[in-house]
Amino acid sequence: MNTSDRQALYLIADELRGMATIGRHFANNPYEVERAHRINELAATIAALAEQERTKEEVQSLFNEEPWHRISPAIGTDAAVFDEKGRILLIKRAQDQTWAMPGGLSEIGHTPAQGALKELWEEAGLKGCVVRLLGVFDGPKWGSLAKVHHINMIFHVQCDDLTPKLGIEATDWAYYGPDELPSPMHPSHWLRVPKAFELIQTEQTYYDPVCSEDITLSMVQRRGE
């Protein structure tokens, strides 16, 4: 099974897990509750097939932990810091030695912009001000290999001090121009970093465009029409 196939299975499992979570919360009878639990079991089975390193029981245990009880995509935030030459700050992640903008999952209690500043401080030791939202990116559409559906938000952050002081989550840093990006880039950053260079030159805030005709609209809330 290749990486693309595993990613597809992870996202199917994540969607089913979300359906099961909603089912457990809003079920009106024991049959619907039982069905929701069964959907969760099937989601765990699918994820285990993709994981190949954990058993179905181990994945099921993960599904029952608090982080899996969400019903909405996870939110990731990135800090786009540019130097006086227009180059962007990238850090080398200690976890996998790939290059990326400072960033990570936003935590409960923080606004997305606060989350970006928090990640910038933790990974690069920089403080600054968020001056603009550059874009909102759907993870699967932008090359993410995450096992759950998530949304990435990139914020332009201005810093007085542009010299990072690395924390434990990064092993190196550098400022790069659009034509000199390092390798390997972290999944999805190899697409979103060039987009950040493009957006910083405009007043646009990017989002993934869509029309009603492009999605499946539920009629459950529109009964009687």
N, C-alpha and C. Protein backbone atom coordinates (compact mmCIF):
# COMPACT_ATOMS: atom_id res chain seq x y z
N MET A 1 0.85 -1.19 0.00
CA MET A 1 0.00 0.00 0.00
C MET A 1 0.89 1.25 0.00
N ASN A 2 0.65 2.14 -0.94
CA ASN A 2 1.48 3.34 -1.02
C ASN A 2 0.97 4.43 -0.09
N THR A 3 1.74 5.51 0.01
CA THR A 3 1.41 6.60 0.93
C THR A 3 0.07 7.23 0.61
N SER A 4 -0.23 7.41 -0.66
CA SER A 4 -1.49 8.02 -1.07
C SER A 4 -2.68 7.18 -0.64
N ASP A 5 -2.57 5.86 -0.79
CA ASP A 5 -3.65 4.97 -0.39
C ASP A 5 -3.86 5.00 1.12
N ARG A 6 -2.76 5.01 1.87
CA ARG A 6 -2.88 5.07 3.33
C ARG A 6 -3.53 6.37 3.77
N GLN A 7 -3.13 7.47 3.11
CA GLN A 7 -3.72 8.76 3.46
C GLN A 7 -5.22 8.76 3.20
N ALA A 8 -5.65 8.17 2.09
CA ALA A 8 -7.07 8.09 1.78
C ALA A 8 -7.82 7.30 2.85
N LEU A 9 -7.23 6.20 3.30
CA LEU A 9 -7.86 5.39 4.34
C LEU A 9 -7.94 6.14 5.67
N TYR A 10 -6.89 6.87 6.01
CA TYR A 10 -6.92 7.66 7.25
C TYR A 10 -8.07 8.67 7.22
N LEU A 11 -8.24 9.35 6.10
CA LEU A 11 -9.28 10.37 6.01
C LEU A 11 -10.67 9.76 6.03
N ILE A 12 -10.83 8.59 5.41
CA ILE A 12 -12.12 7.88 5.48
C ILE A 12 -12.41 7.50 6.93
N ALA A 13 -11.39 6.96 7.61
CA ALA A 13 -11.56 6.57 9.01
C ALA A 13 -11.90 7.78 9.87
N ASP A 14 -11.25 8.91 9.61
CA ASP A 14 -11.50 10.12 10.39
C ASP A 14 -12.93 10.61 10.18
N GLU A 15 -13.41 10.56 8.94
CA GLU A 15 -14.78 11.00 8.66
C GLU A 15 -15.78 10.08 9.35
N LEU A 16 -15.55 8.78 9.28
CA LEU A 16 -16.44 7.83 9.94
C LEU A 16 -16.42 8.03 11.45
N ARG A 17 -15.23 8.28 12.01
CA ARG A 17 -15.14 8.53 13.44
C ARG A 17 -15.94 9.76 13.85
N GLY A 18 -15.89 10.80 13.01
CA GLY A 18 -16.69 11.99 13.29
C GLY A 18 -18.17 11.71 13.25
N MET A 19 -18.61 10.90 12.27
CA MET A 19 -20.02 10.51 12.18
C MET A 19 -20.44 9.73 13.42
N ALA A 20 -19.56 8.83 13.87
CA ALA A 20 -19.87 8.03 15.05
C ALA A 20 -19.99 8.90 16.30
N THR A 21 -19.12 9.90 16.41
CA THR A 21 -19.16 10.80 17.56
C THR A 21 -20.46 11.57 17.60
N ILE A 22 -20.88 12.09 16.45
CA ILE A 22 -22.16 12.80 16.38
C ILE A 22 -23.30 11.85 16.72
N GLY A 23 -23.23 10.62 16.18
CA GLY A 23 -24.28 9.64 16.45
C GLY A 23 -24.43 9.34 17.93
N ARG A 24 -23.31 9.20 18.63
CA ARG A 24 -23.38 8.89 20.06
C ARG A 24 -23.98 10.05 20.86
N HIS A 25 -23.71 11.27 20.42
CA HIS A 25 -24.19 12.43 21.16
C HIS A 25 -25.67 12.73 20.91
N PHE A 26 -26.14 12.43 19.70
CA PHE A 26 -27.49 12.85 19.33
C PHE A 26 -28.45 11.70 19.07
N ALA A 27 -28.02 10.47 19.33
CA ALA A 27 -28.89 9.31 19.09
C ALA A 27 -30.13 9.39 19.97
N ASN A 28 -31.28 9.01 19.38
CA ASN A 28 -32.55 9.06 20.10
C ASN A 28 -32.99 7.71 20.64
N ASN A 29 -32.32 6.65 20.25
CA ASN A 29 -32.70 5.33 20.73
C ASN A 29 -31.47 4.43 20.79
N PRO A 30 -31.55 3.32 21.52
CA PRO A 30 -30.38 2.45 21.70
C PRO A 30 -29.86 1.84 20.40
N TYR A 31 -30.74 1.70 19.41
CA TYR A 31 -30.30 1.14 18.14
C TYR A 31 -29.35 2.09 17.41
N GLU A 32 -29.66 3.38 17.48
CA GLU A 32 -28.78 4.37 16.86
C GLU A 32 -27.45 4.46 17.60
N VAL A 33 -27.51 4.33 18.92
CA VAL A 33 -26.27 4.33 19.71
C VAL A 33 -25.40 3.14 19.32
N GLU A 34 -26.03 1.98 19.22
CA GLU A 34 -25.30 0.77 18.83
C GLU A 34 -24.68 0.93 17.45
N ARG A 35 -25.44 1.52 16.54
CA ARG A 35 -24.94 1.73 15.18
C ARG A 35 -23.74 2.68 15.20
N ALA A 36 -23.81 3.72 16.03
CA ALA A 36 -22.71 4.67 16.12
C ALA A 36 -21.44 3.99 16.64
N HIS A 37 -21.60 3.13 17.64
CA HIS A 37 -20.44 2.40 18.15
C HIS A 37 -19.86 1.48 17.09
N ARG A 38 -20.73 0.87 16.30
CA ARG A 38 -20.26 -0.02 15.24
C ARG A 38 -19.50 0.77 14.17
N ILE A 39 -19.99 1.96 13.83
CA ILE A 39 -19.28 2.80 12.86
C ILE A 39 -17.90 3.15 13.40
N ASN A 40 -17.81 3.43 14.69
CA ASN A 40 -16.52 3.75 15.30
C ASN A 40 -15.57 2.55 15.22
N GLU A 41 -16.11 1.35 15.43
CA GLU A 41 -15.29 0.14 15.32
C GLU A 41 -14.77 -0.05 13.90
N LEU A 42 -15.65 0.20 12.92
CA LEU A 42 -15.24 0.07 11.52
C LEU A 42 -14.18 1.11 11.17
N ALA A 43 -14.35 2.33 11.70
CA ALA A 43 -13.35 3.37 11.45
C ALA A 43 -11.99 2.95 12.01
N ALA A 44 -12.01 2.35 13.20
CA ALA A 44 -10.76 1.88 13.81
C ALA A 44 -10.13 0.78 12.98
N THR A 45 -10.96 -0.10 12.44
CA THR A 45 -10.45 -1.18 11.60
C THR A 45 -9.78 -0.63 10.35
N ILE A 46 -10.41 0.35 9.72
CA ILE A 46 -9.84 0.96 8.53
C ILE A 46 -8.52 1.65 8.86
N ALA A 47 -8.50 2.39 9.97
CA ALA A 47 -7.27 3.07 10.38
C ALA A 47 -6.16 2.08 10.68
N ALA A 48 -6.52 0.95 11.30
CA ALA A 48 -5.52 -0.07 11.60
C ALA A 48 -4.94 -0.67 10.33
N LEU A 49 -5.77 -0.84 9.31
CA LEU A 49 -5.28 -1.35 8.03
C LEU A 49 -4.27 -0.39 7.42
N ALA A 50 -4.53 0.90 7.59
CA ALA A 50 -3.60 1.90 7.05
C ALA A 50 -2.36 2.02 7.92
N GLU A 51 -2.54 1.88 9.23
CA GLU A 51 -1.44 2.07 10.17
C GLU A 51 -0.38 0.99 10.01
N GLN A 52 -0.81 -0.24 9.99
CA GLN A 52 0.07 -1.40 9.83
C GLN A 52 1.03 -1.59 11.00
N GLU A 53 1.01 -0.70 11.95
CA GLU A 53 1.90 -0.80 13.10
C GLU A 53 1.14 -1.00 14.41
N ARG A 54 -0.19 -0.80 14.37
CA ARG A 54 -1.01 -0.99 15.56
C ARG A 54 -2.15 -1.95 15.23
N THR A 55 -2.62 -2.65 16.24
CA THR A 55 -3.76 -3.54 16.07
C THR A 55 -5.04 -2.72 16.07
N LYS A 56 -6.14 -3.36 15.65
CA LYS A 56 -7.43 -2.69 15.67
C LYS A 56 -7.78 -2.25 17.09
N GLU A 57 -7.45 -3.08 18.08
CA GLU A 57 -7.77 -2.76 19.47
C GLU A 57 -6.98 -1.53 19.94
N GLU A 58 -5.74 -1.43 19.53
CA GLU A 58 -4.93 -0.27 19.91
C GLU A 58 -5.47 1.00 19.28
N VAL A 59 -5.85 0.91 18.01
CA VAL A 59 -6.42 2.09 17.34
C VAL A 59 -7.76 2.45 17.95
N GLN A 60 -8.57 1.44 18.29
CA GLN A 60 -9.86 1.68 18.93
C GLN A 60 -9.67 2.45 20.23
N SER A 61 -8.64 2.08 20.99
CA SER A 61 -8.35 2.78 22.24
C SER A 61 -8.03 4.24 21.98
N LEU A 62 -7.26 4.50 20.92
CA LEU A 62 -6.94 5.88 20.55
C LEU A 62 -8.20 6.64 20.16
N PHE A 63 -9.10 5.97 19.44
CA PHE A 63 -10.34 6.60 19.01
C PHE A 63 -11.18 7.02 20.20
N ASN A 64 -11.07 6.29 21.30
CA ASN A 64 -11.90 6.57 22.46
C ASN A 64 -11.29 7.60 23.40
N GLU A 65 -10.06 8.03 23.10
CA GLU A 65 -9.45 9.07 23.90
C GLU A 65 -10.02 10.43 23.52
N GLU A 66 -9.86 11.39 24.39
CA GLU A 66 -10.48 12.72 24.23
C GLU A 66 -10.21 13.39 22.90
N PRO A 67 -8.95 13.38 22.38
CA PRO A 67 -8.71 14.11 21.13
C PRO A 67 -9.55 13.61 19.96
N TRP A 68 -10.04 12.37 20.04
CA TRP A 68 -10.81 11.82 18.93
C TRP A 68 -12.30 12.13 19.04
N HIS A 69 -12.70 12.81 20.12
CA HIS A 69 -14.12 13.08 20.32
C HIS A 69 -14.59 14.30 19.54
N ARG A 70 -13.70 14.98 18.88
CA ARG A 70 -14.08 16.15 18.11
C ARG A 70 -14.93 15.75 16.90
N ILE A 71 -15.72 16.68 16.43
CA ILE A 71 -16.54 16.43 15.24
C ILE A 71 -16.20 17.42 14.13
N SER A 72 -15.23 18.28 14.38
CA SER A 72 -14.80 19.26 13.38
C SER A 72 -13.33 19.04 13.06
N PRO A 73 -12.87 19.53 11.91
CA PRO A 73 -11.44 19.39 11.58
C PRO A 73 -10.56 20.07 12.62
N ALA A 74 -9.37 19.51 12.81
CA ALA A 74 -8.38 20.16 13.68
C ALA A 74 -7.86 21.42 12.99
N ILE A 75 -7.42 22.39 13.78
CA ILE A 75 -6.93 23.66 13.25
C ILE A 75 -5.42 23.76 13.47
N GLY A 76 -4.69 23.94 12.39
CA GLY A 76 -3.26 24.17 12.47
C GLY A 76 -2.94 25.61 12.10
N THR A 77 -1.96 26.20 12.77
CA THR A 77 -1.58 27.59 12.49
C THR A 77 -0.09 27.68 12.21
N ASP A 78 0.28 28.48 11.23
CA ASP A 78 1.67 28.69 10.85
C ASP A 78 2.00 30.18 10.90
N ALA A 79 3.22 30.48 11.27
CA ALA A 79 3.71 31.87 11.30
C ALA A 79 4.62 32.10 10.11
N ALA A 80 4.24 33.03 9.25
CA ALA A 80 5.07 33.41 8.10
C ALA A 80 5.83 34.68 8.48
N VAL A 81 7.13 34.52 8.73
CA VAL A 81 8.00 35.64 9.11
C VAL A 81 8.95 35.91 7.96
N PHE A 82 8.98 37.15 7.49
CA PHE A 82 9.85 37.54 6.38
C PHE A 82 10.91 38.51 6.87
N ASP A 83 12.13 38.36 6.34
CA ASP A 83 13.19 39.30 6.71
C ASP A 83 13.19 40.50 5.78
N GLU A 84 14.18 41.39 5.96
CA GLU A 84 14.23 42.63 5.18
C GLU A 84 14.47 42.39 3.70
N LYS A 85 14.93 41.19 3.33
CA LYS A 85 15.14 40.84 1.92
C LYS A 85 13.94 40.11 1.32
N GLY A 86 12.88 39.97 2.10
CA GLY A 86 11.69 39.29 1.60
C GLY A 86 11.78 37.78 1.66
N ARG A 87 12.75 37.25 2.40
CA ARG A 87 12.89 35.81 2.54
C ARG A 87 12.06 35.32 3.73
N ILE A 88 11.60 34.08 3.65
CA ILE A 88 10.74 33.53 4.69
C ILE A 88 11.55 32.67 5.66
N LEU A 89 11.16 32.70 6.93
CA LEU A 89 11.82 31.88 7.94
C LEU A 89 11.30 30.45 7.89
N LEU A 90 12.22 29.50 7.78
CA LEU A 90 11.88 28.08 7.87
C LEU A 90 12.74 27.45 8.96
N ILE A 91 12.13 26.51 9.69
CA ILE A 91 12.88 25.77 10.71
C ILE A 91 12.93 24.30 10.29
N LYS A 92 13.99 23.62 10.72
CA LYS A 92 14.09 22.18 10.47
C LYS A 92 13.52 21.46 11.69
N ARG A 93 12.45 20.70 11.46
CA ARG A 93 11.76 20.04 12.55
C ARG A 93 12.60 18.91 13.14
N ALA A 94 12.72 18.88 14.46
CA ALA A 94 13.50 17.83 15.10
C ALA A 94 12.87 16.46 14.90
N GLN A 95 11.56 16.43 14.78
CA GLN A 95 10.85 15.15 14.71
C GLN A 95 11.20 14.36 13.45
N ASP A 96 11.26 15.04 12.31
CA ASP A 96 11.48 14.32 11.05
C ASP A 96 12.52 14.97 10.15
N GLN A 97 13.19 16.02 10.64
CA GLN A 97 14.25 16.70 9.88
C GLN A 97 13.77 17.25 8.54
N THR A 98 12.52 17.69 8.49
CA THR A 98 12.00 18.37 7.32
C THR A 98 11.87 19.86 7.62
N TRP A 99 11.86 20.67 6.56
CA TRP A 99 11.79 22.12 6.71
C TRP A 99 10.34 22.59 6.65
N ALA A 100 10.02 23.59 7.47
CA ALA A 100 8.64 24.07 7.54
C ALA A 100 8.60 25.46 8.15
N MET A 101 7.49 26.15 7.95
CA MET A 101 7.23 27.36 8.71
C MET A 101 7.00 26.98 10.17
N PRO A 102 7.36 27.82 11.12
CA PRO A 102 7.00 27.53 12.50
C PRO A 102 5.49 27.40 12.62
N GLY A 103 5.03 26.34 13.25
CA GLY A 103 3.59 26.14 13.35
C GLY A 103 3.23 24.84 14.01
N GLY A 104 1.94 24.64 14.20
CA GLY A 104 1.44 23.42 14.81
C GLY A 104 -0.05 23.53 15.06
N LEU A 105 -0.60 22.52 15.74
CA LEU A 105 -2.03 22.52 16.03
C LEU A 105 -2.37 23.57 17.07
N SER A 106 -3.47 24.28 16.82
CA SER A 106 -3.94 25.29 17.76
C SER A 106 -4.56 24.61 18.97
N GLU A 107 -4.31 25.15 20.15
CA GLU A 107 -4.82 24.56 21.38
C GLU A 107 -6.08 25.27 21.84
N ILE A 108 -6.92 24.53 22.55
CA ILE A 108 -8.14 25.11 23.11
C ILE A 108 -7.76 26.24 24.06
N GLY A 109 -8.48 27.35 23.96
CA GLY A 109 -8.20 28.51 24.79
C GLY A 109 -7.42 29.59 24.08
N HIS A 110 -6.87 29.26 22.89
CA HIS A 110 -6.14 30.24 22.10
C HIS A 110 -6.90 30.55 20.81
N THR A 111 -6.86 31.80 20.40
CA THR A 111 -7.35 32.11 19.06
C THR A 111 -6.33 31.56 18.06
N PRO A 112 -6.72 31.39 16.79
CA PRO A 112 -5.74 30.93 15.80
C PRO A 112 -4.51 31.82 15.73
N ALA A 113 -4.70 33.14 15.77
CA ALA A 113 -3.56 34.05 15.71
C ALA A 113 -2.65 33.88 16.92
N GLN A 114 -3.24 33.70 18.09
CA GLN A 114 -2.44 33.45 19.29
C GLN A 114 -1.68 32.13 19.16
N GLY A 115 -2.33 31.14 18.55
CA GLY A 115 -1.68 29.86 18.34
C GLY A 115 -0.44 29.98 17.46
N ALA A 116 -0.53 30.81 16.42
CA ALA A 116 0.62 31.02 15.54
C ALA A 116 1.78 31.65 16.31
N LEU A 117 1.48 32.65 17.15
CA LEU A 117 2.53 33.29 17.94
C LEU A 117 3.13 32.33 18.96
N LYS A 118 2.30 31.48 19.53
CA LYS A 118 2.77 30.48 20.49
C LYS A 118 3.75 29.51 19.83
N GLU A 119 3.38 29.02 18.63
CA GLU A 119 4.25 28.09 17.92
C GLU A 119 5.56 28.77 17.50
N LEU A 120 5.46 30.03 17.09
CA LEU A 120 6.66 30.78 16.69
C LEU A 120 7.62 30.91 17.87
N TRP A 121 7.09 31.18 19.05
CA TRP A 121 7.93 31.31 20.23
C TRP A 121 8.54 29.96 20.64
N GLU A 122 7.72 28.91 20.64
CA GLU A 122 8.20 27.61 21.09
C GLU A 122 9.26 27.04 20.15
N GLU A 123 9.08 27.22 18.85
CA GLU A 123 9.98 26.60 17.88
C GLU A 123 11.15 27.48 17.48
N ALA A 124 10.94 28.80 17.47
CA ALA A 124 11.99 29.70 16.98
C ALA A 124 12.43 30.74 18.00
N GLY A 125 11.74 30.84 19.13
CA GLY A 125 12.14 31.80 20.15
C GLY A 125 11.92 33.24 19.75
N LEU A 126 10.99 33.48 18.82
CA LEU A 126 10.72 34.83 18.35
C LEU A 126 9.38 35.33 18.87
N LYS A 127 9.32 36.64 19.13
CA LYS A 127 8.08 37.31 19.50
C LYS A 127 7.73 38.32 18.42
N GLY A 128 6.45 38.54 18.21
CA GLY A 128 6.05 39.48 17.18
C GLY A 128 4.58 39.79 17.25
N CYS A 129 4.08 40.40 16.19
CA CYS A 129 2.67 40.76 16.09
C CYS A 129 2.09 40.18 14.80
N VAL A 130 0.91 39.60 14.93
CA VAL A 130 0.20 39.15 13.74
C VAL A 130 -0.39 40.37 13.05
N VAL A 131 -0.05 40.55 11.80
CA VAL A 131 -0.54 41.72 11.07
C VAL A 131 -1.56 41.36 10.00
N ARG A 132 -1.64 40.06 9.68
CA ARG A 132 -2.56 39.71 8.59
C ARG A 132 -2.71 38.20 8.48
N LEU A 133 -3.92 37.77 8.14
CA LEU A 133 -4.17 36.38 7.78
C LEU A 133 -3.88 36.23 6.29
N LEU A 134 -2.91 35.39 5.95
CA LEU A 134 -2.57 35.20 4.53
C LEU A 134 -3.50 34.21 3.85
N GLY A 135 -3.91 33.16 4.56
CA GLY A 135 -4.76 32.20 3.90
C GLY A 135 -5.25 31.10 4.82
N VAL A 136 -6.32 30.44 4.37
CA VAL A 136 -6.91 29.29 5.05
C VAL A 136 -6.86 28.13 4.06
N PHE A 137 -6.22 27.04 4.44
CA PHE A 137 -5.94 25.94 3.52
C PHE A 137 -6.48 24.63 4.06
N ASP A 138 -7.21 23.91 3.21
CA ASP A 138 -7.68 22.57 3.58
C ASP A 138 -6.52 21.59 3.47
N GLY A 139 -6.22 20.90 4.56
CA GLY A 139 -5.06 20.01 4.60
C GLY A 139 -4.99 19.00 3.47
N PRO A 140 -6.04 18.18 3.28
CA PRO A 140 -5.98 17.17 2.21
C PRO A 140 -5.79 17.77 0.82
N LYS A 141 -6.33 18.96 0.60
CA LYS A 141 -6.19 19.58 -0.72
C LYS A 141 -4.79 20.16 -0.94
N TRP A 142 -4.06 20.34 0.15
CA TRP A 142 -2.75 20.98 0.04
C TRP A 142 -1.62 20.06 0.48
N GLY A 143 -1.76 18.79 0.17
CA GLY A 143 -0.65 17.85 0.30
C GLY A 143 -0.35 17.33 1.68
N SER A 144 -1.27 17.53 2.64
CA SER A 144 -1.02 17.04 3.99
C SER A 144 -1.06 15.52 4.03
N LEU A 145 -0.21 14.93 4.86
CA LEU A 145 -0.22 13.49 5.09
C LEU A 145 -0.70 13.17 6.50
N ALA A 146 -1.36 14.13 7.15
CA ALA A 146 -1.87 13.91 8.50
C ALA A 146 -2.95 12.84 8.50
N LYS A 147 -3.11 12.18 9.64
CA LYS A 147 -4.07 11.08 9.74
C LYS A 147 -5.47 11.57 10.06
N VAL A 148 -5.63 12.85 10.32
CA VAL A 148 -6.94 13.43 10.59
C VAL A 148 -7.13 14.64 9.68
N HIS A 149 -8.40 14.97 9.44
CA HIS A 149 -8.72 16.13 8.62
C HIS A 149 -8.39 17.39 9.42
N HIS A 150 -7.62 18.29 8.82
CA HIS A 150 -7.30 19.52 9.51
C HIS A 150 -7.25 20.68 8.53
N ILE A 151 -7.38 21.88 9.09
CA ILE A 151 -7.34 23.13 8.34
C ILE A 151 -6.10 23.90 8.79
N ASN A 152 -5.36 24.44 7.84
CA ASN A 152 -4.17 25.24 8.16
C ASN A 152 -4.43 26.72 7.90
N MET A 153 -4.03 27.56 8.83
CA MET A 153 -4.14 29.00 8.68
C MET A 153 -2.74 29.59 8.76
N ILE A 154 -2.38 30.39 7.76
CA ILE A 154 -1.06 31.02 7.75
C ILE A 154 -1.22 32.50 8.09
N PHE A 155 -0.48 32.95 9.11
CA PHE A 155 -0.52 34.35 9.53
C PHE A 155 0.82 35.02 9.25
N HIS A 156 0.76 36.22 8.71
CA HIS A 156 1.96 37.03 8.55
C HIS A 156 2.29 37.65 9.90
N VAL A 157 3.49 37.37 10.38
CA VAL A 157 3.92 37.88 11.68
C VAL A 157 5.14 38.78 11.48
N GLN A 158 5.08 39.98 12.03
CA GLN A 158 6.22 40.90 11.98
C GLN A 158 6.96 40.85 13.31
N CYS A 159 8.28 40.70 13.23
CA CYS A 159 9.13 40.61 14.43
C CYS A 159 10.21 41.69 14.38
N ASP A 160 10.48 42.31 15.52
CA ASP A 160 11.58 43.27 15.60
C ASP A 160 12.93 42.54 15.55
N ASP A 161 13.02 41.44 16.28
CA ASP A 161 14.22 40.61 16.28
C ASP A 161 13.99 39.44 15.34
N LEU A 162 14.81 39.32 14.31
CA LEU A 162 14.62 38.29 13.29
C LEU A 162 15.60 37.13 13.44
N THR A 163 16.32 37.08 14.55
CA THR A 163 17.29 36.00 14.77
C THR A 163 16.71 34.95 15.70
N PRO A 164 16.32 33.79 15.18
CA PRO A 164 15.70 32.76 16.01
C PRO A 164 16.64 32.21 17.07
N LYS A 165 16.04 31.74 18.15
CA LYS A 165 16.74 31.01 19.21
C LYS A 165 15.98 29.70 19.36
N LEU A 166 16.52 28.65 18.78
CA LEU A 166 15.79 27.40 18.63
C LEU A 166 15.45 26.75 19.97
N GLY A 167 14.24 26.13 19.99
CA GLY A 167 13.84 25.33 21.13
C GLY A 167 14.08 23.86 20.82
N ILE A 168 13.43 22.99 21.60
CA ILE A 168 13.67 21.56 21.46
C ILE A 168 12.98 20.96 20.24
N GLU A 169 12.08 21.73 19.60
CA GLU A 169 11.32 21.18 18.48
C GLU A 169 11.98 21.43 17.13
N ALA A 170 13.10 22.13 17.11
CA ALA A 170 13.78 22.44 15.84
C ALA A 170 15.28 22.28 16.01
N THR A 171 15.95 21.91 14.91
CA THR A 171 17.40 21.71 14.95
C THR A 171 18.17 22.72 14.10
N ASP A 172 17.48 23.49 13.28
CA ASP A 172 18.16 24.46 12.42
C ASP A 172 17.14 25.48 11.94
N TRP A 173 17.63 26.58 11.42
CA TRP A 173 16.75 27.60 10.86
C TRP A 173 17.51 28.35 9.77
N ALA A 174 16.75 28.99 8.90
CA ALA A 174 17.33 29.85 7.86
C ALA A 174 16.21 30.62 7.19
N TYR A 175 16.58 31.74 6.56
CA TYR A 175 15.63 32.49 5.73
C TYR A 175 15.89 32.12 4.28
N TYR A 176 14.81 31.85 3.55
CA TYR A 176 14.93 31.40 2.17
C TYR A 176 14.07 32.25 1.24
N GLY A 177 14.59 32.48 0.03
CA GLY A 177 13.81 33.12 -1.01
C GLY A 177 12.96 32.09 -1.74
N PRO A 178 12.03 32.54 -2.57
CA PRO A 178 11.11 31.61 -3.25
C PRO A 178 11.80 30.65 -4.20
N ASP A 179 12.98 31.00 -4.68
CA ASP A 179 13.67 30.14 -5.65
C ASP A 179 14.80 29.32 -5.03
N GLU A 180 14.87 29.31 -3.70
CA GLU A 180 15.97 28.59 -3.05
C GLU A 180 15.49 27.77 -1.85
N LEU A 181 14.27 27.25 -1.93
CA LEU A 181 13.71 26.51 -0.80
C LEU A 181 14.47 25.21 -0.57
N PRO A 182 14.65 24.83 0.68
CA PRO A 182 15.44 23.64 1.01
C PRO A 182 14.66 22.35 0.80
N SER A 183 15.36 21.25 0.93
CA SER A 183 14.75 19.93 0.81
C SER A 183 15.34 19.03 1.90
N PRO A 184 14.50 18.16 2.48
CA PRO A 184 13.08 17.94 2.17
C PRO A 184 12.20 18.93 2.92
N MET A 185 11.11 19.34 2.28
CA MET A 185 10.12 20.17 2.93
C MET A 185 9.09 19.27 3.61
N HIS A 186 8.52 19.78 4.70
CA HIS A 186 7.47 19.04 5.39
C HIS A 186 6.24 18.95 4.49
N PRO A 187 5.52 17.80 4.51
CA PRO A 187 4.34 17.66 3.66
C PRO A 187 3.40 18.85 3.78
N SER A 188 2.92 19.30 2.68
CA SER A 188 2.02 20.44 2.47
C SER A 188 2.76 21.77 2.53
N HIS A 189 3.85 21.88 3.28
CA HIS A 189 4.61 23.14 3.31
C HIS A 189 5.28 23.41 1.97
N TRP A 190 5.63 22.36 1.25
CA TRP A 190 6.26 22.56 -0.06
C TRP A 190 5.28 23.20 -1.04
N LEU A 191 3.98 23.12 -0.73
CA LEU A 191 2.98 23.80 -1.55
C LEU A 191 2.58 25.15 -0.94
N ARG A 192 2.45 25.19 0.38
CA ARG A 192 1.94 26.41 1.02
C ARG A 192 2.99 27.51 1.17
N VAL A 193 4.25 27.14 1.29
CA VAL A 193 5.29 28.18 1.39
C VAL A 193 5.37 29.02 0.11
N PRO A 194 5.42 28.40 -1.08
CA PRO A 194 5.38 29.22 -2.30
C PRO A 194 4.12 30.08 -2.38
N LYS A 195 2.99 29.55 -1.89
CA LYS A 195 1.75 30.33 -1.90
C LYS A 195 1.87 31.52 -0.96
N ALA A 196 2.56 31.35 0.16
CA ALA A 196 2.76 32.47 1.09
C ALA A 196 3.56 33.58 0.44
N PHE A 197 4.59 33.21 -0.35
CA PHE A 197 5.35 34.23 -1.08
C PHE A 197 4.44 34.99 -2.05
N GLU A 198 3.55 34.27 -2.68
CA GLU A 198 2.63 34.90 -3.63
C GLU A 198 1.66 35.84 -2.91
N LEU A 199 1.13 35.39 -1.79
CA LEU A 199 0.11 36.16 -1.07
C LEU A 199 0.68 37.41 -0.41
N ILE A 200 1.94 37.35 0.03
CA ILE A 200 2.52 38.50 0.72
C ILE A 200 2.68 39.69 -0.22
N GLN A 201 2.65 39.42 -1.52
CA GLN A 201 2.77 40.48 -2.52
C GLN A 201 1.42 41.12 -2.86
N THR A 202 0.34 40.58 -2.32
CA THR A 202 -1.00 41.07 -2.63
C THR A 202 -1.73 41.43 -1.34
N GLU A 203 -2.95 41.89 -1.49
CA GLU A 203 -3.82 42.14 -0.34
C GLU A 203 -4.82 41.01 -0.17
N GLN A 204 -4.66 39.94 -0.92
CA GLN A 204 -5.60 38.83 -0.88
C GLN A 204 -5.42 37.97 0.37
N THR A 205 -6.53 37.39 0.82
CA THR A 205 -6.51 36.32 1.80
C THR A 205 -7.01 35.07 1.09
N TYR A 206 -6.19 34.05 1.02
CA TYR A 206 -6.55 32.87 0.24
C TYR A 206 -7.53 31.97 1.00
N TYR A 207 -8.44 31.35 0.25
CA TYR A 207 -9.28 30.26 0.75
C TYR A 207 -9.54 29.33 -0.42
N ASP A 208 -9.88 28.10 -0.13
CA ASP A 208 -10.17 27.14 -1.19
C ASP A 208 -11.56 27.41 -1.74
N PRO A 209 -11.68 27.93 -2.97
CA PRO A 209 -12.98 28.33 -3.51
C PRO A 209 -13.88 27.12 -3.74
N VAL A 210 -15.18 27.32 -3.53
CA VAL A 210 -16.14 26.23 -3.73
C VAL A 210 -17.52 26.84 -3.94
N CYS A 211 -18.38 26.11 -4.65
CA CYS A 211 -19.78 26.49 -4.86
C CYS A 211 -20.68 25.39 -4.31
N SER A 212 -21.93 25.74 -4.04
CA SER A 212 -22.87 24.76 -3.49
C SER A 212 -22.98 23.53 -4.38
N GLU A 213 -22.86 23.74 -5.69
CA GLU A 213 -22.98 22.62 -6.63
C GLU A 213 -21.84 21.62 -6.49
N ASP A 214 -20.77 22.02 -5.80
CA ASP A 214 -19.60 21.15 -5.69
C ASP A 214 -19.64 20.23 -4.47
N ILE A 215 -20.62 20.40 -3.60
CA ILE A 215 -20.66 19.61 -2.37
C ILE A 215 -22.02 18.95 -2.21
N THR A 216 -22.08 17.94 -1.35
CA THR A 216 -23.34 17.27 -1.04
C THR A 216 -24.00 18.00 0.12
N LEU A 217 -25.19 18.52 -0.12
CA LEU A 217 -25.91 19.28 0.89
C LEU A 217 -26.96 18.39 1.55
N SER A 218 -26.93 18.33 2.89
CA SER A 218 -27.90 17.53 3.63
C SER A 218 -29.26 18.19 3.59
N MET A 219 -30.31 17.35 3.48
CA MET A 219 -31.68 17.86 3.49
C MET A 219 -32.36 17.61 4.83
N VAL A 220 -31.63 17.02 5.79
CA VAL A 220 -32.24 16.69 7.08
C VAL A 220 -32.77 17.94 7.76
N GLN A 221 -32.01 19.03 7.70
CA GLN A 221 -32.43 20.28 8.34
C GLN A 221 -33.39 21.08 7.48
N ARG A 222 -33.73 20.57 6.29
CA ARG A 222 -34.60 21.30 5.36
C ARG A 222 -35.89 20.55 5.10
N ARG A 223 -36.36 19.79 6.08
CA ARG A 223 -37.58 19.00 5.90
C ARG A 223 -38.76 19.91 5.58
N GLY A 224 -39.58 19.43 4.68
CA GLY A 224 -40.76 20.19 4.29
C GLY A 224 -40.56 20.98 3.02
N GLU A 225 -39.33 21.01 2.52
CA GLU A 225 -39.07 21.74 1.28
C GLU A 225 -39.17 20.80 0.09
